[in-house]
Amino acid sequence: MRRSILPRLLVSALAGLQLAAPAVDAAEPSGVAIIVARGTPVADMDRHELALIYKRKKRFWPDGRRIAPVNLPASQTVRRAFSVAILGHTPEELDEYWRDQYFHGELPPFVASSEEAVIRFVASTPGAVGYISACLADKRIAVLMVIDEGLPCSR
């Protein structure tokens, strides 16, 4: 009698865990979307070029417009994923790079407080480039590429 109760309890417990887990929409985009304002004269970009932009080594778009890169706060998961995938280092590891650049007159990219702030900055600033969770991309901006496909939506 005891043997038949244990499997039923186990199945009930697992079913309860499954109901408690958040639902994931398989069709929802995942990863980090690299975004620019609609109408920016860039059809595509590779990771190397993006790294040059975020290290302030490439400053102008092909039409001569100044590039304005924007970051998220270093503590955000999307920032960490972007930094590792594109720059090859965590935000903390890049501190030394930026300390050195500061003494050469270079400042790091502007930091927006949230992904919505990045979207608004990019949409309203000529030449801006940023990154957000791919699931947050909307009609205000254009997506150049998506990286780190496994990153879940940050909603």
C-alpha atoms as a PDB file:
ATOM      1  CA  MET A   1       0.000   0.000   0.000  1.00  0.00           C
ATOM      2  CA  ARG A   2       2.785   2.460   0.855  1.00  0.00           C
ATOM      3  CA  ARG A   3       4.446   1.854  -2.523  1.00  0.00           C
ATOM      4  CA  SER A   4       1.431   3.064  -4.497  1.00  0.00           C
ATOM      5  CA  ILE A   5       1.112   6.305  -2.504  1.00  0.00           C
ATOM      6  CA  LEU A   6       4.713   7.459  -3.001  1.00  0.00           C
ATOM      7  CA  PRO A   7       4.617   7.566  -6.829  1.00  0.00           C
ATOM      8  CA  ARG A   8       1.303   9.435  -6.738  1.00  0.00           C
ATOM      9  CA  LEU A   9       2.711  11.987  -4.288  1.00  0.00           C
ATOM     10  CA  LEU A  10       5.767  12.452  -6.469  1.00  0.00           C
ATOM     11  CA  VAL A  11       3.644  13.000  -9.581  1.00  0.00           C
ATOM     12  CA  SER A  12       1.436  15.486  -7.689  1.00  0.00           C
ATOM     13  CA  ALA A  13       4.463  17.398  -6.419  1.00  0.00           C
ATOM     14  CA  LEU A  14       5.996  17.611  -9.900  1.00  0.00           C
ATOM     15  CA  ALA A  15       2.701  18.766 -11.383  1.00  0.00           C
ATOM     16  CA  GLY A  16       2.481  21.496  -8.742  1.00  0.00           C
ATOM     17  CA  LEU A  17       6.005  22.674  -9.571  1.00  0.00           C
ATOM     18  CA  GLN A  18       5.154  22.803 -13.250  1.00  0.00           C
ATOM     19  CA  LEU A  19       2.093  24.967 -12.549  1.00  0.00           C
ATOM     20  CA  ALA A  20       4.154  27.294 -10.355  1.00  0.00           C
ATOM     21  CA  ALA A  21       6.829  27.819 -13.047  1.00  0.00           C
ATOM     22  CA  PRO A  22       6.433  30.944 -15.186  1.00  0.00           C
ATOM     23  CA  ALA A  23       5.153  30.389 -18.685  1.00  0.00           C
ATOM     24  CA  VAL A  24       7.664  30.991 -21.471  1.00  0.00           C
ATOM     25  CA  ASP A  25       6.447  32.006 -24.901  1.00  0.00           C
ATOM     26  CA  ALA A  26       8.529  30.018 -27.379  1.00  0.00           C
ATOM     27  CA  ALA A  27       7.779  32.584 -30.099  1.00  0.00           C
ATOM     28  CA  GLU A  28       9.108  35.500 -28.022  1.00  0.00           C
ATOM     29  CA  PRO A  29      12.508  36.708 -29.261  1.00  0.00           C
ATOM     30  CA  SER A  30      15.423  36.148 -26.909  1.00  0.00           C
ATOM     31  CA  GLY A  31      18.897  37.592 -26.788  1.00  0.00           C
ATOM     32  CA  VAL A  32      20.312  41.097 -26.979  1.00  0.00           C
ATOM     33  CA  ALA A  33      19.120  43.320 -29.825  1.00  0.00           C
ATOM     34  CA  ILE A  34      21.529  45.951 -31.156  1.00  0.00           C
ATOM     35  CA  ILE A  35      19.346  48.941 -32.005  1.00  0.00           C
ATOM     36  CA  VAL A  36      19.563  52.224 -33.900  1.00  0.00           C
ATOM     37  CA  ALA A  37      17.026  54.906 -34.759  1.00  0.00           C
ATOM     38  CA  ARG A  38      14.840  54.216 -37.753  1.00  0.00           C
ATOM     39  CA  GLY A  39      16.417  55.732 -40.844  1.00  0.00           C
ATOM     40  CA  THR A  40      20.011  55.368 -39.616  1.00  0.00           C
ATOM     41  CA  PRO A  41      22.109  54.740 -42.752  1.00  0.00           C
ATOM     42  CA  VAL A  42      23.505  51.377 -41.578  1.00  0.00           C
ATOM     43  CA  ALA A  43      22.221  48.183 -43.151  1.00  0.00           C
ATOM     44  CA  ASP A  44      24.267  45.802 -41.037  1.00  0.00           C
ATOM     45  CA  MET A  45      27.159  45.654 -38.634  1.00  0.00           C
ATOM     46  CA  ASP A  46      29.470  42.952 -37.364  1.00  0.00           C
ATOM     47  CA  ARG A  47      30.607  42.315 -33.793  1.00  0.00           C
ATOM     48  CA  HIS A  48      34.084  43.719 -34.401  1.00  0.00           C
ATOM     49  CA  GLU A  49      32.700  47.035 -35.667  1.00  0.00           C
ATOM     50  CA  LEU A  50      30.322  47.198 -32.704  1.00  0.00           C
ATOM     51  CA  ALA A  51      33.240  46.623 -30.305  1.00  0.00           C
ATOM     52  CA  LEU A  52      35.136  49.491 -31.952  1.00  0.00           C
ATOM     53  CA  ILE A  53      32.114  51.755 -31.447  1.00  0.00           C
ATOM     54  CA  TYR A  54      31.734  50.850 -27.774  1.00  0.00           C
ATOM     55  CA  LYS A  55      35.473  51.259 -27.141  1.00  0.00           C
ATOM     56  CA  ARG A  56      35.253  54.700 -28.814  1.00  0.00           C
ATOM     57  CA  LYS A  57      37.622  53.668 -31.610  1.00  0.00           C
ATOM     58  CA  LYS A  58      35.015  54.198 -34.360  1.00  0.00           C
ATOM     59  CA  ARG A  59      33.202  57.519 -34.056  1.00  0.00           C
ATOM     60  CA  PHE A  60      31.252  58.178 -37.269  1.00  0.00           C
ATOM     61  CA  TRP A  61      28.585  56.443 -39.362  1.00  0.00           C
ATOM     62  CA  PRO A  62      29.197  56.151 -43.129  1.00  0.00           C
ATOM     63  CA  ASP A  63      27.205  59.368 -43.739  1.00  0.00           C
ATOM     64  CA  GLY A  64      29.507  61.334 -41.397  1.00  0.00           C
ATOM     65  CA  ARG A  65      27.061  61.478 -38.502  1.00  0.00           C
ATOM     66  CA  ARG A  66      28.680  61.088 -35.060  1.00  0.00           C
ATOM     67  CA  ILE A  67      27.951  57.745 -33.349  1.00  0.00           C
ATOM     68  CA  ALA A  68      26.446  58.026 -29.859  1.00  0.00           C
ATOM     69  CA  PRO A  69      26.702  54.645 -28.089  1.00  0.00           C
ATOM     70  CA  VAL A  70      24.597  54.107 -24.966  1.00  0.00           C
ATOM     71  CA  ASN A  71      25.069  51.496 -22.235  1.00  0.00           C
ATOM     72  CA  LEU A  72      22.875  50.041 -19.530  1.00  0.00           C
ATOM     73  CA  PRO A  73      24.025  50.052 -15.888  1.00  0.00           C
ATOM     74  CA  ALA A  74      26.827  47.550 -15.239  1.00  0.00           C
ATOM     75  CA  SER A  75      24.661  45.513 -12.859  1.00  0.00           C
ATOM     76  CA  GLN A  76      22.036  44.636 -15.492  1.00  0.00           C
ATOM     77  CA  THR A  77      22.077  41.153 -17.027  1.00  0.00           C
ATOM     78  CA  VAL A  78      21.652  42.523 -20.560  1.00  0.00           C
ATOM     79  CA  ARG A  79      24.712  44.788 -20.114  1.00  0.00           C
ATOM     80  CA  ARG A  80      26.797  41.891 -18.828  1.00  0.00           C
ATOM     81  CA  ALA A  81      25.752  39.655 -21.737  1.00  0.00           C
ATOM     82  CA  PHE A  82      26.509  42.430 -24.242  1.00  0.00           C
ATOM     83  CA  SER A  83      29.897  43.255 -22.694  1.00  0.00           C
ATOM     84  CA  VAL A  84      31.060  39.648 -22.657  1.00  0.00           C
ATOM     85  CA  ALA A  85      29.732  38.818 -26.149  1.00  0.00           C
ATOM     86  CA  ILE A  86      30.945  41.983 -27.905  1.00  0.00           C
ATOM     87  CA  LEU A  87      33.788  43.388 -25.831  1.00  0.00           C
ATOM     88  CA  GLY A  88      35.080  40.101 -24.431  1.00  0.00           C
ATOM     89  CA  HIS A  89      35.036  41.349 -20.829  1.00  0.00           C
ATOM     90  CA  THR A  90      32.606  42.011 -18.000  1.00  0.00           C
ATOM     91  CA  PRO A  91      31.809  45.647 -17.201  1.00  0.00           C
ATOM     92  CA  GLU A  92      34.074  45.446 -14.134  1.00  0.00           C
ATOM     93  CA  GLU A  93      36.962  44.156 -16.225  1.00  0.00           C
ATOM     94  CA  LEU A  94      36.545  47.159 -18.550  1.00  0.00           C
ATOM     95  CA  ASP A  95      37.014  49.654 -15.698  1.00  0.00           C
ATOM     96  CA  GLU A  96      40.803  49.591 -16.174  1.00  0.00           C
ATOM     97  CA  TYR A  97      40.389  50.269 -19.915  1.00  0.00           C
ATOM     98  CA  TRP A  98      38.180  53.298 -19.212  1.00  0.00           C
ATOM     99  CA  ARG A  99      40.506  54.645 -16.519  1.00  0.00           C
ATOM    100  CA  ASP A 100      43.314  54.582 -19.076  1.00  0.00           C
ATOM    101  CA  GLN A 101      41.103  56.138 -21.792  1.00  0.00           C
ATOM    102  CA  TYR A 102      40.031  58.916 -19.438  1.00  0.00           C
ATOM    103  CA  PHE A 103      43.643  60.133 -19.234  1.00  0.00           C
ATOM    104  CA  HIS A 104      43.647  60.284 -23.041  1.00  0.00           C
ATOM    105  CA  GLY A 105      40.520  62.437 -23.092  1.00  0.00           C
ATOM    106  CA  GLU A 106      38.061  59.606 -23.903  1.00  0.00           C
ATOM    107  CA  LEU A 107      34.898  59.021 -21.912  1.00  0.00           C
ATOM    108  CA  PRO A 108      32.894  55.783 -21.809  1.00  0.00           C
ATOM    109  CA  PRO A 109      29.498  55.609 -23.510  1.00  0.00           C
ATOM    110  CA  PHE A 110      26.568  57.337 -21.840  1.00  0.00           C
ATOM    111  CA  VAL A 111      24.682  55.069 -19.383  1.00  0.00           C
ATOM    112  CA  ALA A 112      20.883  55.049 -19.517  1.00  0.00           C
ATOM    113  CA  SER A 113      18.981  53.915 -16.439  1.00  0.00           C
ATOM    114  CA  SER A 114      16.785  51.260 -18.088  1.00  0.00           C
ATOM    115  CA  GLU A 115      16.069  49.480 -21.348  1.00  0.00           C
ATOM    116  CA  GLU A 116      13.120  51.821 -21.956  1.00  0.00           C
ATOM    117  CA  ALA A 117      15.503  54.754 -21.466  1.00  0.00           C
ATOM    118  CA  VAL A 118      17.862  53.196 -24.050  1.00  0.00           C
ATOM    119  CA  ILE A 119      14.993  52.854 -26.532  1.00  0.00           C
ATOM    120  CA  ARG A 120      13.949  56.475 -26.024  1.00  0.00           C
ATOM    121  CA  PHE A 121      17.537  57.750 -26.254  1.00  0.00           C
ATOM    122  CA  VAL A 122      18.238  55.800 -29.448  1.00  0.00           C
ATOM    123  CA  ALA A 123      14.916  56.749 -31.039  1.00  0.00           C
ATOM    124  CA  SER A 124      15.419  60.460 -30.365  1.00  0.00           C
ATOM    125  CA  THR A 125      19.188  60.898 -30.768  1.00  0.00           C
ATOM    126  CA  PRO A 126      20.626  61.070 -34.288  1.00  0.00           C
ATOM    127  CA  GLY A 127      23.485  58.581 -34.627  1.00  0.00           C
ATOM    128  CA  ALA A 128      22.708  56.686 -31.411  1.00  0.00           C
ATOM    129  CA  VAL A 129      23.266  52.944 -31.028  1.00  0.00           C
ATOM    130  CA  GLY A 130      22.266  50.813 -28.054  1.00  0.00           C
ATOM    131  CA  TYR A 131      21.185  47.366 -26.958  1.00  0.00           C
ATOM    132  CA  ILE A 132      18.138  45.946 -25.201  1.00  0.00           C
ATOM    133  CA  SER A 133      16.454  42.592 -24.659  1.00  0.00           C
ATOM    134  CA  ALA A 134      15.300  41.459 -28.098  1.00  0.00           C
ATOM    135  CA  CYS A 135      11.737  40.965 -26.833  1.00  0.00           C
ATOM    136  CA  LEU A 136      11.472  44.706 -26.072  1.00  0.00           C
ATOM    137  CA  ALA A 137      12.236  45.914 -29.610  1.00  0.00           C
ATOM    138  CA  ASP A 138       9.364  47.901 -31.097  1.00  0.00           C
ATOM    139  CA  LYS A 139       8.558  50.199 -34.020  1.00  0.00           C
ATOM    140  CA  ARG A 140      10.399  53.194 -32.518  1.00  0.00           C
ATOM    141  CA  ILE A 141      13.785  51.682 -33.358  1.00  0.00           C
ATOM    142  CA  ALA A 142      15.464  49.389 -35.915  1.00  0.00           C
ATOM    143  CA  VAL A 143      17.263  46.168 -34.931  1.00  0.00           C
ATOM    144  CA  LEU A 144      20.667  45.712 -36.599  1.00  0.00           C
ATOM    145  CA  MET A 145      21.453  42.305 -35.105  1.00  0.00           C
ATOM    146  CA  VAL A 146      20.609  39.967 -32.233  1.00  0.00           C
ATOM    147  CA  ILE A 147      23.365  38.394 -30.129  1.00  0.00           C
ATOM    148  CA  ASP A 148      23.481  35.933 -27.233  1.00  0.00           C
ATOM    149  CA  GLU A 149      20.425  34.022 -28.357  1.00  0.00           C
ATOM    150  CA  GLY A 150      19.954  32.261 -25.012  1.00  0.00           C
ATOM    151  CA  LEU A 151      19.323  35.361 -22.892  1.00  0.00           C
ATOM    152  CA  PRO A 152      15.702  35.380 -21.663  1.00  0.00           C
ATOM    153  CA  CYS A 153      13.472  38.424 -21.921  1.00  0.00           C
ATOM    154  CA  SER A 154      14.086  40.962 -19.170  1.00  0.00           C
ATOM    155  CA  ARG A 155      10.446  42.087 -18.931  1.00  0.00           C
END
